[in-house]
Amino acid sequence: MFTERYIRHRAEHQVEPPARLSMFWRGLLLVGGLCVLLGVGYVLWRFDPEQTLWSPKCLFRSLTGLSCPGCGSQRAVYHLLHGRWLTAIHYNVLLLPSLTYILLIWLSRIMAWDGLYMRLTGRTACWILFGLFVGFWVVRNLFGF
């Protein structure tokens, strides 16, 4: 009884894979994404976020005095682009895994790797990521990471 009900429930709530993009849209996403990455990368490589006044500051930190999970990301990217990996990790430990994850999602969508895309963006993956970010948020404020 339980097995039949479970199978029926799974069949009714099946998640459809995303619609495939045409080659034009895939190319446009790839080229557009690379242009944005290169532009943002150049600005972050050229200007140190600690030295510039126009660099955006964390609103959450200015209001509460606590660090959010993204605090230190601009400085970390700046140091990554200058080859100072340990300094970047010091500013934000989650930056490298987050960038890798985002890159995998982006590539799996562009290259039409539906299985990987569904796993990376599925409900379970989202809950795991949410837990990691909240856990990091709490640990970083309690222990000063």
C-alpha atoms as a PDB file:
ATOM      1  CA  MET A   1       0.000   0.000   0.000  1.00  0.00           C
ATOM      2  CA  PHE A   2       2.722   2.478   1.005  1.00  0.00           C
ATOM      3  CA  THR A   3       4.810   1.666  -2.073  1.00  0.00           C
ATOM      4  CA  GLU A   4       1.923   2.146  -4.519  1.00  0.00           C
ATOM      5  CA  ARG A   5       0.954   5.442  -2.929  1.00  0.00           C
ATOM      6  CA  TYR A   6       4.569   6.618  -2.995  1.00  0.00           C
ATOM      7  CA  ILE A   7       4.989   5.658  -6.669  1.00  0.00           C
ATOM      8  CA  ARG A   8       1.731   7.417  -7.582  1.00  0.00           C
ATOM      9  CA  HIS A   9       2.808  10.520  -5.632  1.00  0.00           C
ATOM     10  CA  ARG A  10       6.209  10.596  -7.382  1.00  0.00           C
ATOM     11  CA  ALA A  11       4.575  10.220 -10.809  1.00  0.00           C
ATOM     12  CA  GLU A  12       2.169  13.104 -10.126  1.00  0.00           C
ATOM     13  CA  HIS A  13       4.908  15.430  -8.864  1.00  0.00           C
ATOM     14  CA  GLN A  14       7.592  14.689 -11.432  1.00  0.00           C
ATOM     15  CA  VAL A  15       9.784  17.681 -12.196  1.00  0.00           C
ATOM     16  CA  GLU A  16      10.255  18.347 -15.885  1.00  0.00           C
ATOM     17  CA  PRO A  17      13.760  19.106 -17.140  1.00  0.00           C
ATOM     18  CA  PRO A  18      14.227  22.665 -18.393  1.00  0.00           C
ATOM     19  CA  ALA A  19      13.452  23.401 -22.021  1.00  0.00           C
ATOM     20  CA  ARG A  20      16.504  23.090 -24.230  1.00  0.00           C
ATOM     21  CA  LEU A  21      18.005  26.280 -25.521  1.00  0.00           C
ATOM     22  CA  SER A  22      18.708  26.705 -29.204  1.00  0.00           C
ATOM     23  CA  MET A  23      22.310  27.026 -30.334  1.00  0.00           C
ATOM     24  CA  PHE A  24      21.812  30.781 -30.810  1.00  0.00           C
ATOM     25  CA  TRP A  25      20.690  31.307 -27.214  1.00  0.00           C
ATOM     26  CA  ARG A  26      23.392  29.008 -25.866  1.00  0.00           C
ATOM     27  CA  GLY A  27      26.045  30.968 -27.742  1.00  0.00           C
ATOM     28  CA  LEU A  28      24.546  34.269 -26.640  1.00  0.00           C
ATOM     29  CA  LEU A  29      24.499  33.151 -22.986  1.00  0.00           C
ATOM     30  CA  LEU A  30      28.063  31.920 -23.241  1.00  0.00           C
ATOM     31  CA  VAL A  31      29.446  35.046 -24.918  1.00  0.00           C
ATOM     32  CA  GLY A  32      27.328  37.410 -22.813  1.00  0.00           C
ATOM     33  CA  GLY A  33      28.280  35.661 -19.610  1.00  0.00           C
ATOM     34  CA  LEU A  34      31.961  35.722 -20.498  1.00  0.00           C
ATOM     35  CA  CYS A  35      31.766  39.453 -21.337  1.00  0.00           C
ATOM     36  CA  VAL A  36      30.114  40.217 -17.996  1.00  0.00           C
ATOM     37  CA  LEU A  37      32.664  38.075 -16.146  1.00  0.00           C
ATOM     38  CA  LEU A  38      35.565  39.766 -17.927  1.00  0.00           C
ATOM     39  CA  GLY A  39      34.147  43.248 -17.260  1.00  0.00           C
ATOM     40  CA  VAL A  40      33.495  42.636 -13.580  1.00  0.00           C
ATOM     41  CA  GLY A  41      36.801  40.798 -13.283  1.00  0.00           C
ATOM     42  CA  TYR A  42      38.683  43.726 -14.801  1.00  0.00           C
ATOM     43  CA  VAL A  43      37.077  46.246 -12.435  1.00  0.00           C
ATOM     44  CA  LEU A  44      37.803  44.042  -9.421  1.00  0.00           C
ATOM     45  CA  TRP A  45      41.354  43.395 -10.630  1.00  0.00           C
ATOM     46  CA  ARG A  46      42.053  47.079 -11.244  1.00  0.00           C
ATOM     47  CA  PHE A  47      40.480  48.620  -8.131  1.00  0.00           C
ATOM     48  CA  ASP A  48      41.006  47.366  -4.587  1.00  0.00           C
ATOM     49  CA  PRO A  49      37.605  47.317  -2.816  1.00  0.00           C
ATOM     50  CA  GLU A  50      39.282  48.326   0.449  1.00  0.00           C
ATOM     51  CA  GLN A  51      40.767  51.470  -1.118  1.00  0.00           C
ATOM     52  CA  THR A  52      37.853  52.726  -3.227  1.00  0.00           C
ATOM     53  CA  LEU A  53      34.980  54.757  -1.836  1.00  0.00           C
ATOM     54  CA  TRP A  54      32.516  53.730  -4.573  1.00  0.00           C
ATOM     55  CA  SER A  55      32.814  50.015  -3.882  1.00  0.00           C
ATOM     56  CA  PRO A  56      29.467  48.799  -2.447  1.00  0.00           C
ATOM     57  CA  LYS A  57      29.473  47.999   1.239  1.00  0.00           C
ATOM     58  CA  CYS A  58      27.385  45.275   2.897  1.00  0.00           C
ATOM     59  CA  LEU A  59      24.033  46.720   3.947  1.00  0.00           C
ATOM     60  CA  PHE A  60      23.412  43.942   6.487  1.00  0.00           C
ATOM     61  CA  ARG A  61      26.745  44.578   8.190  1.00  0.00           C
ATOM     62  CA  SER A  62      26.215  48.342   8.256  1.00  0.00           C
ATOM     63  CA  LEU A  63      22.798  47.906   9.888  1.00  0.00           C
ATOM     64  CA  THR A  64      23.580  45.111  12.370  1.00  0.00           C
ATOM     65  CA  GLY A  65      27.351  44.948  12.777  1.00  0.00           C
ATOM     66  CA  LEU A  66      27.223  41.225  11.937  1.00  0.00           C
ATOM     67  CA  SER A  67      28.775  39.582   8.887  1.00  0.00           C
ATOM     68  CA  CYS A  68      26.530  38.006   6.258  1.00  0.00           C
ATOM     69  CA  PRO A  69      27.646  34.896   4.299  1.00  0.00           C
ATOM     70  CA  GLY A  70      28.774  37.137   1.427  1.00  0.00           C
ATOM     71  CA  CYS A  71      30.803  39.633   3.467  1.00  0.00           C
ATOM     72  CA  GLY A  72      34.362  39.829   2.188  1.00  0.00           C
ATOM     73  CA  SER A  73      33.539  38.444  -1.269  1.00  0.00           C
ATOM     74  CA  GLN A  74      34.668  41.538  -3.179  1.00  0.00           C
ATOM     75  CA  ARG A  75      37.991  41.600  -1.347  1.00  0.00           C
ATOM     76  CA  ALA A  76      38.337  37.839  -1.805  1.00  0.00           C
ATOM     77  CA  VAL A  77      37.779  38.097  -5.576  1.00  0.00           C
ATOM     78  CA  TYR A  78      40.291  40.956  -5.739  1.00  0.00           C
ATOM     79  CA  HIS A  79      42.924  38.820  -4.030  1.00  0.00           C
ATOM     80  CA  LEU A  80      42.023  35.747  -6.131  1.00  0.00           C
ATOM     81  CA  LEU A  81      42.601  37.751  -9.295  1.00  0.00           C
ATOM     82  CA  HIS A  82      46.010  38.788  -7.956  1.00  0.00           C
ATOM     83  CA  GLY A  83      46.960  35.184  -7.118  1.00  0.00           C
ATOM     84  CA  ARG A  84      46.717  35.510  -3.334  1.00  0.00           C
ATOM     85  CA  TRP A  85      44.586  32.428  -2.660  1.00  0.00           C
ATOM     86  CA  LEU A  86      45.118  32.205   1.096  1.00  0.00           C
ATOM     87  CA  THR A  87      44.207  35.850   1.598  1.00  0.00           C
ATOM     88  CA  ALA A  88      41.066  35.282  -0.465  1.00  0.00           C
ATOM     89  CA  ILE A  89      40.113  32.285   1.664  1.00  0.00           C
ATOM     90  CA  HIS A  90      40.728  34.383   4.771  1.00  0.00           C
ATOM     91  CA  TYR A  91      38.183  36.974   3.598  1.00  0.00           C
ATOM     92  CA  ASN A  92      35.469  34.476   2.604  1.00  0.00           C
ATOM     93  CA  VAL A  93      35.821  30.707   2.909  1.00  0.00           C
ATOM     94  CA  LEU A  94      32.663  29.980   0.905  1.00  0.00           C
ATOM     95  CA  LEU A  95      33.648  32.025  -2.132  1.00  0.00           C
ATOM     96  CA  LEU A  96      35.600  29.352  -4.052  1.00  0.00           C
ATOM     97  CA  PRO A  97      33.017  26.569  -3.560  1.00  0.00           C
ATOM     98  CA  SER A  98      30.217  29.018  -4.422  1.00  0.00           C
ATOM     99  CA  LEU A  99      31.917  30.195  -7.611  1.00  0.00           C
ATOM    100  CA  THR A 100      32.560  26.590  -8.640  1.00  0.00           C
ATOM    101  CA  TYR A 101      28.924  25.690  -8.003  1.00  0.00           C
ATOM    102  CA  ILE A 102      27.631  28.691  -9.990  1.00  0.00           C
ATOM    103  CA  LEU A 103      30.010  27.872 -12.851  1.00  0.00           C
ATOM    104  CA  LEU A 104      28.776  24.265 -12.933  1.00  0.00           C
ATOM    105  CA  ILE A 105      25.141  25.398 -13.029  1.00  0.00           C
ATOM    106  CA  TRP A 106      25.888  27.885 -15.800  1.00  0.00           C
ATOM    107  CA  LEU A 107      27.831  25.365 -17.892  1.00  0.00           C
ATOM    108  CA  SER A 108      25.316  22.570 -17.378  1.00  0.00           C
ATOM    109  CA  ARG A 109      22.530  24.878 -18.586  1.00  0.00           C
ATOM    110  CA  ILE A 110      24.458  26.085 -21.625  1.00  0.00           C
ATOM    111  CA  MET A 111      25.770  22.650 -22.596  1.00  0.00           C
ATOM    112  CA  ALA A 112      22.334  21.046 -22.030  1.00  0.00           C
ATOM    113  CA  TRP A 113      23.557  18.604 -19.403  1.00  0.00           C
ATOM    114  CA  ASP A 114      20.040  18.162 -18.055  1.00  0.00           C
ATOM    115  CA  GLY A 115      20.877  15.503 -15.473  1.00  0.00           C
ATOM    116  CA  LEU A 116      23.592  17.582 -13.851  1.00  0.00           C
ATOM    117  CA  TYR A 117      21.503  20.745 -14.058  1.00  0.00           C
ATOM    118  CA  MET A 118      18.529  19.050 -12.371  1.00  0.00           C
ATOM    119  CA  ARG A 119      20.732  17.706  -9.564  1.00  0.00           C
ATOM    120  CA  LEU A 120      22.446  21.041  -8.953  1.00  0.00           C
ATOM    121  CA  THR A 121      19.204  23.020  -8.908  1.00  0.00           C
ATOM    122  CA  GLY A 122      16.880  20.437  -7.352  1.00  0.00           C
ATOM    123  CA  ARG A 123      15.080  20.762  -4.045  1.00  0.00           C
ATOM    124  CA  THR A 124      17.585  18.654  -2.106  1.00  0.00           C
ATOM    125  CA  ALA A 125      20.557  20.643  -3.413  1.00  0.00           C
ATOM    126  CA  CYS A 126      18.826  23.913  -2.542  1.00  0.00           C
ATOM    127  CA  TRP A 127      18.145  22.758   1.030  1.00  0.00           C
ATOM    128  CA  ILE A 128      21.728  21.569   1.443  1.00  0.00           C
ATOM    129  CA  LEU A 129      23.047  24.907   0.193  1.00  0.00           C
ATOM    130  CA  PHE A 130      20.657  26.802   2.431  1.00  0.00           C
ATOM    131  CA  GLY A 131      21.873  24.801   5.439  1.00  0.00           C
ATOM    132  CA  LEU A 132      25.520  25.387   4.527  1.00  0.00           C
ATOM    133  CA  PHE A 133      25.048  29.125   4.144  1.00  0.00           C
ATOM    134  CA  VAL A 134      23.062  29.497   7.367  1.00  0.00           C
ATOM    135  CA  GLY A 135      25.595  27.326   9.222  1.00  0.00           C
ATOM    136  CA  PHE A 136      28.478  29.382   7.853  1.00  0.00           C
ATOM    137  CA  TRP A 137      26.631  32.581   8.762  1.00  0.00           C
ATOM    138  CA  VAL A 138      26.208  31.473  12.381  1.00  0.00           C
ATOM    139  CA  VAL A 139      29.749  30.067  12.744  1.00  0.00           C
ATOM    140  CA  ARG A 140      31.377  33.139  11.199  1.00  0.00           C
ATOM    141  CA  ASN A 141      29.569  35.462  13.623  1.00  0.00           C
ATOM    142  CA  LEU A 142      30.146  33.299  16.687  1.00  0.00           C
ATOM    143  CA  PHE A 143      33.812  32.534  16.075  1.00  0.00           C
ATOM    144  CA  GLY A 144      34.862  35.507  13.924  1.00  0.00           C
ATOM    145  CA  PHE A 145      35.600  33.791  10.600  1.00  0.00           C
END
